[in-house]
């Protein structure tokens, strides 16, 4: 379980902190996949909202009696569709029901094992991205409005599921969906929402900290950017401050032209949901490693 206002030193794409009492339950997850669940008591809960793979578990060097599960780089992935705790048949995690068919006390455990059947059911729903929201994929030669419909997820063997969860193509497609949805298909730095003739948004989903640098596929590491803005961001000609102020590099050969192209407020358009906004650690990484001061 994870909540954004947690008292623990959690960063879902990086680490999960927990007390010693959960160590026995957590250790079997090393090298395996986990699900993230936002508790039902959280207002506007997302339910099951992401997956990741545990690389190792170590004693927390900063807190006595605490442990940290370290997330394998590039394994974290937000769900295209957060999965509610309950469906029409009750808890979607059926293993939480007792012999009488009622919710057991295990549902309150912040760290708990989950059956393969329950895990697969939740992942199938969370990564089902057949809803036609995505823009065309640049360079694939697919005309806008003629994208192929995605088939239902069907896995005959567990290794097929692992390949699916680690596929860059799949992860890019899901990442694009969650970022475009968070920004309402609007470019963060120009404020423009442009829809092409095929009804698709002319905007890309950009990683703030790139995948090549172990940037995670989380909405907090994403920006919706138009093609030109994406090009400038990747080449360090623009960046964002922690307050989302748009920074323009001194190396831009036409700073006035760049400024006129950007949102007139001088600030990037941020997602309405606070949980979806760029995380300061990723913005700091871009300023320190990409931005040309």
C-alpha atoms as a PDB file:
ATOM      1  CA  UNK A   1       0.000   0.000   0.000  1.00  0.00           C
ATOM      2  CA  UNK A   2       1.150   3.506  -0.760  1.00  0.00           C
ATOM      3  CA  UNK A   3      -0.379   6.935  -0.366  1.00  0.00           C
ATOM      4  CA  UNK A   4       1.099  10.202  -1.573  1.00  0.00           C
ATOM      5  CA  UNK A   5       0.962  11.728   1.924  1.00  0.00           C
ATOM      6  CA  UNK A   6       2.668   8.720   3.538  1.00  0.00           C
ATOM      7  CA  UNK A   7       4.778   9.277   6.656  1.00  0.00           C
ATOM      8  CA  UNK A   8       7.274   6.764   5.252  1.00  0.00           C
ATOM      9  CA  UNK A   9      10.231   7.603   3.022  1.00  0.00           C
ATOM     10  CA  UNK A  10       8.583   6.262  -0.112  1.00  0.00           C
ATOM     11  CA  UNK A  11       9.187   7.075  -3.756  1.00  0.00           C
ATOM     12  CA  UNK A  12       7.249   4.412  -5.686  1.00  0.00           C
ATOM     13  CA  UNK A  13       9.569   4.344  -8.690  1.00  0.00           C
ATOM     14  CA  UNK A  14      12.676   4.202  -6.475  1.00  0.00           C
ATOM     15  CA  UNK A  15      12.021   2.655  -3.056  1.00  0.00           C
ATOM     16  CA  UNK A  16       9.405   1.533  -0.549  1.00  0.00           C
ATOM     17  CA  UNK A  17      10.124   1.896   3.176  1.00  0.00           C
ATOM     18  CA  UNK A  18       8.500  -0.389   5.744  1.00  0.00           C
ATOM     19  CA  UNK A  19       8.955  -1.481   9.390  1.00  0.00           C
ATOM     20  CA  UNK A  20      10.633  -4.736  10.403  1.00  0.00           C
ATOM     21  CA  UNK A  21       7.296  -6.429  11.137  1.00  0.00           C
ATOM     22  CA  UNK A  22       6.678  -6.691   7.363  1.00  0.00           C
ATOM     23  CA  UNK A  23      10.108  -8.074   6.477  1.00  0.00           C
ATOM     24  CA  UNK A  24       9.007 -11.720   6.398  1.00  0.00           C
ATOM     25  CA  UNK A  25       6.189 -10.878   3.997  1.00  0.00           C
ATOM     26  CA  UNK A  26       8.312  -8.637   1.804  1.00  0.00           C
ATOM     27  CA  UNK A  27      11.391 -10.855   1.326  1.00  0.00           C
ATOM     28  CA  UNK A  28       9.692 -13.367  -1.037  1.00  0.00           C
ATOM     29  CA  UNK A  29       9.058 -10.472  -3.456  1.00  0.00           C
ATOM     30  CA  UNK A  30      12.771  -9.942  -4.181  1.00  0.00           C
ATOM     31  CA  UNK A  31      13.250 -10.334  -7.912  1.00  0.00           C
ATOM     32  CA  UNK A  32       9.500 -10.472  -8.461  1.00  0.00           C
ATOM     33  CA  UNK A  33       6.749  -8.032  -9.436  1.00  0.00           C
ATOM     34  CA  UNK A  34       4.618  -6.096  -6.959  1.00  0.00           C
ATOM     35  CA  UNK A  35       1.428  -4.048  -7.170  1.00  0.00           C
ATOM     36  CA  UNK A  36       0.870  -0.614  -5.646  1.00  0.00           C
ATOM     37  CA  UNK A  37      -2.477   0.030  -3.958  1.00  0.00           C
ATOM     38  CA  UNK A  38      -3.793   3.346  -2.687  1.00  0.00           C
ATOM     39  CA  UNK A  39      -5.960   2.683   0.407  1.00  0.00           C
ATOM     40  CA  UNK A  40      -9.723   3.005   0.035  1.00  0.00           C
ATOM     41  CA  UNK A  41      -9.813   5.607   2.815  1.00  0.00           C
ATOM     42  CA  UNK A  42      -7.805   8.019   0.643  1.00  0.00           C
ATOM     43  CA  UNK A  43     -10.116  10.566  -0.919  1.00  0.00           C
ATOM     44  CA  UNK A  44     -10.226  10.004  -4.670  1.00  0.00           C
ATOM     45  CA  UNK A  45      -8.265   6.766  -4.325  1.00  0.00           C
ATOM     46  CA  UNK A  46      -6.783   5.321  -7.490  1.00  0.00           C
ATOM     47  CA  UNK A  47      -7.005   1.773  -6.156  1.00  0.00           C
ATOM     48  CA  UNK A  48      -4.325  -0.427  -7.740  1.00  0.00           C
ATOM     49  CA  UNK A  49      -2.304   2.075  -9.743  1.00  0.00           C
ATOM     50  CA  UNK A  50       1.126   0.694 -10.717  1.00  0.00           C
ATOM     51  CA  UNK A  51       3.525  -2.243 -10.897  1.00  0.00           C
ATOM     52  CA  UNK A  52       7.254  -2.554 -10.272  1.00  0.00           C
ATOM     53  CA  UNK A  53       9.868  -5.222  -9.662  1.00  0.00           C
ATOM     54  CA  UNK A  54      11.845  -5.459  -6.411  1.00  0.00           C
ATOM     55  CA  UNK A  55      15.608  -5.515  -6.916  1.00  0.00           C
ATOM     56  CA  UNK A  56      16.660  -5.986  -3.289  1.00  0.00           C
ATOM     57  CA  UNK A  57      15.660  -5.280   0.305  1.00  0.00           C
ATOM     58  CA  UNK A  58      18.134  -3.671   2.688  1.00  0.00           C
ATOM     59  CA  UNK A  59      18.103  -2.220   6.208  1.00  0.00           C
ATOM     60  CA  UNK A  60      17.351   1.486   5.957  1.00  0.00           C
ATOM     61  CA  UNK A  61      20.671   3.265   6.597  1.00  0.00           C
ATOM     62  CA  UNK A  62      18.780   6.376   7.726  1.00  0.00           C
ATOM     63  CA  UNK A  63      16.243   4.837  10.116  1.00  0.00           C
ATOM     64  CA  UNK A  64      16.810   2.156  12.736  1.00  0.00           C
ATOM     65  CA  UNK A  65      14.346  -0.735  12.622  1.00  0.00           C
ATOM     66  CA  UNK A  66      13.179   0.173   9.124  1.00  0.00           C
ATOM     67  CA  UNK A  67      13.830  -1.556   5.795  1.00  0.00           C
ATOM     68  CA  UNK A  68      13.790  -0.361   2.203  1.00  0.00           C
ATOM     69  CA  UNK A  69      12.684  -2.308  -0.854  1.00  0.00           C
ATOM     70  CA  UNK A  70      14.689  -0.947  -3.781  1.00  0.00           C
ATOM     71  CA  UNK A  71      12.881  -0.884  -7.119  1.00  0.00           C
ATOM     72  CA  UNK A  72      14.627  -2.321 -10.177  1.00  0.00           C
ATOM     73  CA  UNK A  73      15.460   0.551 -12.574  1.00  0.00           C
ATOM     74  CA  UNK A  74      13.014   0.946 -15.477  1.00  0.00           C
ATOM     75  CA  UNK A  75      10.564  -1.562 -13.992  1.00  0.00           C
ATOM     76  CA  UNK A  76       8.035   0.829 -12.459  1.00  0.00           C
ATOM     77  CA  UNK A  77       4.976   1.500 -14.611  1.00  0.00           C
ATOM     78  CA  UNK A  78       1.803   3.419 -13.827  1.00  0.00           C
ATOM     79  CA  UNK A  79      -1.352   1.686 -14.996  1.00  0.00           C
ATOM     80  CA  UNK A  80      -3.101   3.014 -18.083  1.00  0.00           C
ATOM     81  CA  UNK A  81      -6.297   2.460 -16.105  1.00  0.00           C
ATOM     82  CA  UNK A  82      -6.104   2.466 -12.295  1.00  0.00           C
ATOM     83  CA  UNK A  83      -8.062  -0.535 -11.007  1.00  0.00           C
ATOM     84  CA  UNK A  84     -10.650   0.045  -8.240  1.00  0.00           C
ATOM     85  CA  UNK A  85     -10.429  -2.063  -5.102  1.00  0.00           C
ATOM     86  CA  UNK A  86     -13.920  -3.461  -5.721  1.00  0.00           C
ATOM     87  CA  UNK A  87     -15.715  -4.611  -8.854  1.00  0.00           C
ATOM     88  CA  UNK A  88     -19.262  -5.924  -9.299  1.00  0.00           C
ATOM     89  CA  UNK A  89     -18.271  -9.180  -7.561  1.00  0.00           C
ATOM     90  CA  UNK A  90     -16.635  -7.532  -4.545  1.00  0.00           C
ATOM     91  CA  UNK A  91     -12.889  -7.106  -3.903  1.00  0.00           C
ATOM     92  CA  UNK A  92     -10.969  -7.637  -7.113  1.00  0.00           C
ATOM     93  CA  UNK A  93      -8.248  -9.187  -4.930  1.00  0.00           C
ATOM     94  CA  UNK A  94     -10.299 -12.312  -4.207  1.00  0.00           C
ATOM     95  CA  UNK A  95      -7.663 -13.684  -1.841  1.00  0.00           C
ATOM     96  CA  UNK A  96      -8.762 -11.126   0.757  1.00  0.00           C
ATOM     97  CA  UNK A  97     -12.063 -12.935   1.301  1.00  0.00           C
ATOM     98  CA  UNK A  98     -12.376 -15.364   4.204  1.00  0.00           C
ATOM     99  CA  UNK A  99     -14.231 -18.696   4.168  1.00  0.00           C
ATOM    100  CA  UNK A 100     -17.518 -16.879   4.717  1.00  0.00           C
ATOM    101  CA  UNK A 101     -16.932 -14.673   1.693  1.00  0.00           C
ATOM    102  CA  UNK A 102     -16.317 -11.560   3.786  1.00  0.00           C
ATOM    103  CA  UNK A 103     -13.342  -9.199   3.718  1.00  0.00           C
ATOM    104  CA  UNK A 104     -10.633 -10.468   6.053  1.00  0.00           C
ATOM    105  CA  UNK A 105      -8.221  -8.502   8.193  1.00  0.00           C
ATOM    106  CA  UNK A 106      -5.477  -9.088   5.597  1.00  0.00           C
ATOM    107  CA  UNK A 107      -6.941  -6.176   3.639  1.00  0.00           C
ATOM    108  CA  UNK A 108      -5.459  -3.792   6.221  1.00  0.00           C
ATOM    109  CA  UNK A 109      -1.896  -5.098   5.801  1.00  0.00           C
ATOM    110  CA  UNK A 110       0.308  -2.580   4.006  1.00  0.00           C
ATOM    111  CA  UNK A 111       2.532  -5.409   2.713  1.00  0.00           C
ATOM    112  CA  UNK A 112       0.951  -8.720   1.826  1.00  0.00           C
ATOM    113  CA  UNK A 113       1.325 -11.580  -0.660  1.00  0.00           C
ATOM    114  CA  UNK A 114      -1.070 -11.829  -3.587  1.00  0.00           C
ATOM    115  CA  UNK A 115      -1.995 -14.884  -5.631  1.00  0.00           C
ATOM    116  CA  UNK A 116      -0.959 -15.191  -9.265  1.00  0.00           C
ATOM    117  CA  UNK A 117      -4.620 -15.255 -10.276  1.00  0.00           C
ATOM    118  CA  UNK A 118      -5.398 -11.994  -8.472  1.00  0.00           C
ATOM    119  CA  UNK A 119      -2.180 -10.386  -9.696  1.00  0.00           C
ATOM    120  CA  UNK A 120      -2.900 -11.303 -13.311  1.00  0.00           C
ATOM    121  CA  UNK A 121      -6.493 -10.105 -13.099  1.00  0.00           C
ATOM    122  CA  UNK A 122      -5.423  -6.687 -11.806  1.00  0.00           C
ATOM    123  CA  UNK A 123      -2.556  -6.274 -14.274  1.00  0.00           C
ATOM    124  CA  UNK A 124      -4.778  -7.227 -17.226  1.00  0.00           C
ATOM    125  CA  UNK A 125      -7.236  -4.511 -16.315  1.00  0.00           C
ATOM    126  CA  UNK A 126      -4.614  -1.944 -15.409  1.00  0.00           C
ATOM    127  CA  UNK A 127      -2.664  -2.271 -18.659  1.00  0.00           C
ATOM    128  CA  UNK A 128      -5.632  -2.661 -20.999  1.00  0.00           C
ATOM    129  CA  UNK A 129      -5.036   0.391 -23.218  1.00  0.00           C
ATOM    130  CA  UNK A 130      -7.436  -0.363 -26.037  1.00  0.00           C
ATOM    131  CA  UNK A 131      -9.324   2.884 -25.435  1.00  0.00           C
ATOM    132  CA  UNK A 132      -8.486   5.065 -28.497  1.00  0.00           C
ATOM    133  CA  UNK A 133      -6.869   8.036 -26.755  1.00  0.00           C
ATOM    134  CA  UNK A 134      -3.327   7.901 -28.076  1.00  0.00           C
ATOM    135  CA  UNK A 135      -1.877  10.053 -30.848  1.00  0.00           C
ATOM    136  CA  UNK A 136      -0.056   8.576 -33.783  1.00  0.00           C
ATOM    137  CA  UNK A 137       3.432   7.187 -33.197  1.00  0.00           C
ATOM    138  CA  UNK A 138       5.918   9.449 -34.998  1.00  0.00           C
ATOM    139  CA  UNK A 139       8.039   7.628 -37.537  1.00  0.00           C
ATOM    140  CA  UNK A 140       5.872   4.529 -37.753  1.00  0.00           C
ATOM    141  CA  UNK A 141       4.194   5.629 -40.953  1.00  0.00           C
ATOM    142  CA  UNK A 142       0.687   5.106 -39.572  1.00  0.00           C
ATOM    143  CA  UNK A 143      -1.679   7.858 -40.806  1.00  0.00           C
ATOM    144  CA  UNK A 144      -3.581   9.627 -38.054  1.00  0.00           C
ATOM    145  CA  UNK A 145      -7.002   8.109 -37.582  1.00  0.00           C
ATOM    146  CA  UNK A 146      -5.976   4.693 -38.940  1.00  0.00           C
ATOM    147  CA  UNK A 147      -4.264   3.204 -35.872  1.00  0.00           C
ATOM    148  CA  UNK A 148      -4.819  -0.511 -35.412  1.00  0.00           C
ATOM    149  CA  UNK A 149      -7.143  -1.511 -32.600  1.00  0.00           C
ATOM    150  CA  UNK A 150      -5.257  -3.161 -29.755  1.00  0.00           C
ATOM    151  CA  UNK A 151      -6.348  -6.762 -29.060  1.00  0.00           C
ATOM    152  CA  UNK A 152      -7.254  -7.941 -25.540  1.00  0.00           C
ATOM    153  CA  UNK A 153      -4.366  -9.014 -23.344  1.00  0.00           C
ATOM    154  CA  UNK A 154      -4.006 -12.797 -23.392  1.00  0.00           C
ATOM    155  CA  UNK A 155      -1.012 -14.585 -21.832  1.00  0.00           C
ATOM    156  CA  UNK A 156      -0.592 -18.307 -22.263  1.00  0.00           C
ATOM    157  CA  UNK A 157       2.530 -18.525 -20.094  1.00  0.00           C
ATOM    158  CA  UNK A 158       3.986 -16.436 -17.288  1.00  0.00           C
ATOM    159  CA  UNK A 159       7.076 -15.573 -19.346  1.00  0.00           C
ATOM    160  CA  UNK A 160       4.779 -13.974 -21.923  1.00  0.00           C
ATOM    161  CA  UNK A 161       3.447 -11.687 -19.215  1.00  0.00           C
ATOM    162  CA  UNK A 162       6.969 -10.745 -18.094  1.00  0.00           C
ATOM    163  CA  UNK A 163       7.922  -9.938 -21.670  1.00  0.00           C
ATOM    164  CA  UNK A 164       4.821  -7.783 -21.937  1.00  0.00           C
ATOM    165  CA  UNK A 165       5.603  -5.906 -18.710  1.00  0.00           C
ATOM    166  CA  UNK A 166       9.166  -5.196 -19.831  1.00  0.00           C
ATOM    167  CA  UNK A 167       8.444  -4.444 -23.509  1.00  0.00           C
ATOM    168  CA  UNK A 168       9.580  -0.933 -24.391  1.00  0.00           C
ATOM    169  CA  UNK A 169       6.847  -0.635 -26.992  1.00  0.00           C
ATOM    170  CA  UNK A 170       4.147  -1.530 -24.486  1.00  0.00           C
ATOM    171  CA  UNK A 171       5.593   0.719 -21.792  1.00  0.00           C
ATOM    172  CA  UNK A 172       5.893   3.685 -24.178  1.00  0.00           C
ATOM    173  CA  UNK A 173       2.288   3.240 -25.257  1.00  0.00           C
ATOM    174  CA  UNK A 174       1.018   3.122 -21.665  1.00  0.00           C
ATOM    175  CA  UNK A 175       3.270   6.021 -20.621  1.00  0.00           C
ATOM    176  CA  UNK A 176       1.915   8.136 -23.480  1.00  0.00           C
ATOM    177  CA  UNK A 177      -1.642   7.451 -22.448  1.00  0.00           C
ATOM    178  CA  UNK A 178      -1.225   8.378 -18.785  1.00  0.00           C
ATOM    179  CA  UNK A 179       0.752  11.550 -19.577  1.00  0.00           C
ATOM    180  CA  UNK A 180      -1.636  12.808 -22.255  1.00  0.00           C
ATOM    181  CA  UNK A 181      -4.573  12.132 -19.968  1.00  0.00           C
ATOM    182  CA  UNK A 182      -2.942  14.026 -17.082  1.00  0.00           C
ATOM    183  CA  UNK A 183      -2.319  17.073 -19.291  1.00  0.00           C
ATOM    184  CA  UNK A 184      -5.665  16.867 -21.092  1.00  0.00           C
ATOM    185  CA  UNK A 185      -3.701  16.384 -24.349  1.00  0.00           C
ATOM    186  CA  UNK A 186      -2.350  19.936 -23.993  1.00  0.00           C
ATOM    187  CA  UNK A 187       1.304  20.927 -24.503  1.00  0.00           C
ATOM    188  CA  UNK A 188       2.721  21.853 -21.097  1.00  0.00           C
ATOM    189  CA  UNK A 189       5.001  24.659 -22.290  1.00  0.00           C
ATOM    190  CA  UNK A 190       2.911  26.266 -25.060  1.00  0.00           C
ATOM    191  CA  UNK A 191      -0.502  25.690 -23.515  1.00  0.00           C
ATOM    192  CA  UNK A 192      -1.866  24.643 -26.907  1.00  0.00           C
ATOM    193  CA  UNK A 193      -4.226  21.748 -27.465  1.00  0.00           C
ATOM    194  CA  UNK A 194      -4.032  20.829 -31.145  1.00  0.00           C
ATOM    195  CA  UNK A 195      -6.130  17.999 -32.568  1.00  0.00           C
ATOM    196  CA  UNK A 196      -5.336  16.658 -36.045  1.00  0.00           C
ATOM    197  CA  UNK A 197      -7.806  15.630 -38.733  1.00  0.00           C
ATOM    198  CA  UNK A 198      -7.949  12.109 -37.361  1.00  0.00           C
ATOM    199  CA  UNK A 199      -9.074  13.347 -33.949  1.00  0.00           C
ATOM    200  CA  UNK A 200      -5.696  12.673 -32.334  1.00  0.00           C
ATOM    201  CA  UNK A 201      -3.726  15.137 -30.214  1.00  0.00           C
ATOM    202  CA  UNK A 202      -0.574  16.538 -31.819  1.00  0.00           C
ATOM    203  CA  UNK A 203       1.452  16.196 -28.641  1.00  0.00           C
ATOM    204  CA  UNK A 204       4.104  13.772 -27.395  1.00  0.00           C
ATOM    205  CA  UNK A 205       4.726  12.223 -23.995  1.00  0.00           C
ATOM    206  CA  UNK A 206       8.273  13.173 -22.998  1.00  0.00           C
ATOM    207  CA  UNK A 207      10.301  11.674 -20.160  1.00  0.00           C
ATOM    208  CA  UNK A 208      11.832  14.410 -17.988  1.00  0.00           C
ATOM    209  CA  UNK A 209      14.592  12.048 -16.894  1.00  0.00           C
ATOM    210  CA  UNK A 210      15.063   9.774 -19.925  1.00  0.00           C
ATOM    211  CA  UNK A 211      14.753   5.996 -19.838  1.00  0.00           C
ATOM    212  CA  UNK A 212      18.431   5.732 -20.832  1.00  0.00           C
ATOM    213  CA  UNK A 213      19.289   7.430 -17.534  1.00  0.00           C
ATOM    214  CA  UNK A 214      16.953   5.092 -15.610  1.00  0.00           C
ATOM    215  CA  UNK A 215      14.080   7.546 -15.678  1.00  0.00           C
ATOM    216  CA  UNK A 216      10.881   5.717 -14.651  1.00  0.00           C
ATOM    217  CA  UNK A 217       7.639   5.398 -16.602  1.00  0.00           C
ATOM    218  CA  UNK A 218       5.654   7.394 -14.084  1.00  0.00           C
ATOM    219  CA  UNK A 219       3.384  10.327 -14.868  1.00  0.00           C
ATOM    220  CA  UNK A 220       5.478  12.436 -12.457  1.00  0.00           C
ATOM    221  CA  UNK A 221       8.423  11.911 -14.825  1.00  0.00           C
ATOM    222  CA  UNK A 222       6.432  12.974 -17.863  1.00  0.00           C
ATOM    223  CA  UNK A 223       5.473  16.091 -19.787  1.00  0.00           C
ATOM    224  CA  UNK A 224       3.037  16.479 -22.655  1.00  0.00           C
ATOM    225  CA  UNK A 225       4.951  18.445 -25.292  1.00  0.00           C
ATOM    226  CA  UNK A 226       4.343  19.450 -28.891  1.00  0.00           C
ATOM    227  CA  UNK A 227       6.974  18.321 -31.403  1.00  0.00           C
ATOM    228  CA  UNK A 228       9.040  21.538 -31.365  1.00  0.00           C
ATOM    229  CA  UNK A 229       8.798  21.917 -27.582  1.00  0.00           C
ATOM    230  CA  UNK A 230       9.851  18.274 -27.163  1.00  0.00           C
ATOM    231  CA  UNK A 231      12.888  18.852 -29.396  1.00  0.00           C
ATOM    232  CA  UNK A 232      13.924  21.944 -27.400  1.00  0.00           C
ATOM    233  CA  UNK A 233      13.404  20.179 -24.060  1.00  0.00           C
ATOM    234  CA  UNK A 234      15.475  17.129 -25.055  1.00  0.00           C
ATOM    235  CA  UNK A 235      18.315  19.365 -26.260  1.00  0.00           C
ATOM    236  CA  UNK A 236      18.360  21.483 -23.118  1.00  0.00           C
ATOM    237  CA  UNK A 237      17.171  24.700 -24.722  1.00  0.00           C
ATOM    238  CA  UNK A 238      14.290  24.888 -22.270  1.00  0.00           C
ATOM    239  CA  UNK A 239      13.688  23.395 -18.838  1.00  0.00           C
ATOM    240  CA  UNK A 240      11.411  23.866 -15.832  1.00  0.00           C
ATOM    241  CA  UNK A 241      11.999  25.185 -12.336  1.00  0.00           C
ATOM    242  CA  UNK A 242      10.458  23.416  -9.362  1.00  0.00           C
ATOM    243  CA  UNK A 243       7.689  26.049  -9.489  1.00  0.00           C
ATOM    244  CA  UNK A 244       7.126  25.084 -13.174  1.00  0.00           C
ATOM    245  CA  UNK A 245       8.586  28.362 -14.436  1.00  0.00           C
ATOM    246  CA  UNK A 246       9.820  27.847 -18.012  1.00  0.00           C
ATOM    247  CA  UNK A 247      13.581  28.379 -18.259  1.00  0.00           C
ATOM    248  CA  UNK A 248      15.184  29.410 -21.556  1.00  0.00           C
ATOM    249  CA  UNK A 249      18.821  28.581 -22.242  1.00  0.00           C
ATOM    250  CA  UNK A 250      21.255  31.375 -22.968  1.00  0.00           C
ATOM    251  CA  UNK A 251      22.458  29.217 -25.842  1.00  0.00           C
ATOM    252  CA  UNK A 252      19.140  29.516 -27.679  1.00  0.00           C
ATOM    253  CA  UNK A 253      19.992  31.428 -30.870  1.00  0.00           C
ATOM    254  CA  UNK A 254      16.626  33.248 -30.867  1.00  0.00           C
ATOM    255  CA  UNK A 255      15.536  33.645 -27.231  1.00  0.00           C
ATOM    256  CA  UNK A 256      12.846  36.213 -28.075  1.00  0.00           C
ATOM    257  CA  UNK A 257      11.380  33.876 -30.672  1.00  0.00           C
ATOM    258  CA  UNK A 258      11.464  30.995 -28.217  1.00  0.00           C
ATOM    259  CA  UNK A 259       9.795  33.152 -25.574  1.00  0.00           C
ATOM    260  CA  UNK A 260       6.980  34.138 -27.949  1.00  0.00           C
ATOM    261  CA  UNK A 261       6.407  30.443 -28.709  1.00  0.00           C
ATOM    262  CA  UNK A 262       5.944  29.506 -25.059  1.00  0.00           C
ATOM    263  CA  UNK A 263       3.019  29.983 -22.696  1.00  0.00           C
ATOM    264  CA  UNK A 264       2.634  33.723 -22.135  1.00  0.00           C
ATOM    265  CA  UNK A 265       2.359  33.280 -18.374  1.00  0.00           C
ATOM    266  CA  UNK A 266       5.952  32.068 -18.307  1.00  0.00           C
ATOM    267  CA  UNK A 267       4.904  28.914 -16.485  1.00  0.00           C
ATOM    268  CA  UNK A 268       4.184  25.419 -17.730  1.00  0.00           C
ATOM    269  CA  UNK A 269       0.617  24.145 -17.663  1.00  0.00           C
ATOM    270  CA  UNK A 270       0.457  21.639 -14.805  1.00  0.00           C
ATOM    271  CA  UNK A 271      -1.972  18.731 -14.398  1.00  0.00           C
ATOM    272  CA  UNK A 272      -5.041  19.478 -12.295  1.00  0.00           C
ATOM    273  CA  UNK A 273      -4.317  16.476 -10.085  1.00  0.00           C
ATOM    274  CA  UNK A 274      -1.468  17.266  -7.706  1.00  0.00           C
ATOM    275  CA  UNK A 275      -0.333  13.621  -7.804  1.00  0.00           C
ATOM    276  CA  UNK A 276       0.340  13.876 -11.549  1.00  0.00           C
ATOM    277  CA  UNK A 277       2.564  16.962 -11.476  1.00  0.00           C
ATOM    278  CA  UNK A 278       6.289  16.742 -12.302  1.00  0.00           C
ATOM    279  CA  UNK A 279       8.347  15.569  -9.355  1.00  0.00           C
ATOM    280  CA  UNK A 280      11.076  18.033  -8.253  1.00  0.00           C
ATOM    281  CA  UNK A 281      13.761  15.309  -8.320  1.00  0.00           C
ATOM    282  CA  UNK A 282      13.191  14.704 -12.045  1.00  0.00           C
ATOM    283  CA  UNK A 283      13.047  18.420 -12.850  1.00  0.00           C
ATOM    284  CA  UNK A 284      16.297  18.925 -10.920  1.00  0.00           C
ATOM    285  CA  UNK A 285      17.919  16.091 -12.878  1.00  0.00           C
ATOM    286  CA  UNK A 286      16.966  17.725 -16.187  1.00  0.00           C
ATOM    287  CA  UNK A 287      18.297  21.123 -15.101  1.00  0.00           C
ATOM    288  CA  UNK A 288      21.561  19.613 -13.904  1.00  0.00           C
ATOM    289  CA  UNK A 289      22.176  17.170 -16.747  1.00  0.00           C
ATOM    290  CA  UNK A 290      20.389  18.493 -19.852  1.00  0.00           C
ATOM    291  CA  UNK A 291      19.684  22.189 -19.540  1.00  0.00           C
ATOM    292  CA  UNK A 292      22.254  24.432 -21.193  1.00  0.00           C
ATOM    293  CA  UNK A 293      22.573  27.282 -18.699  1.00  0.00           C
END
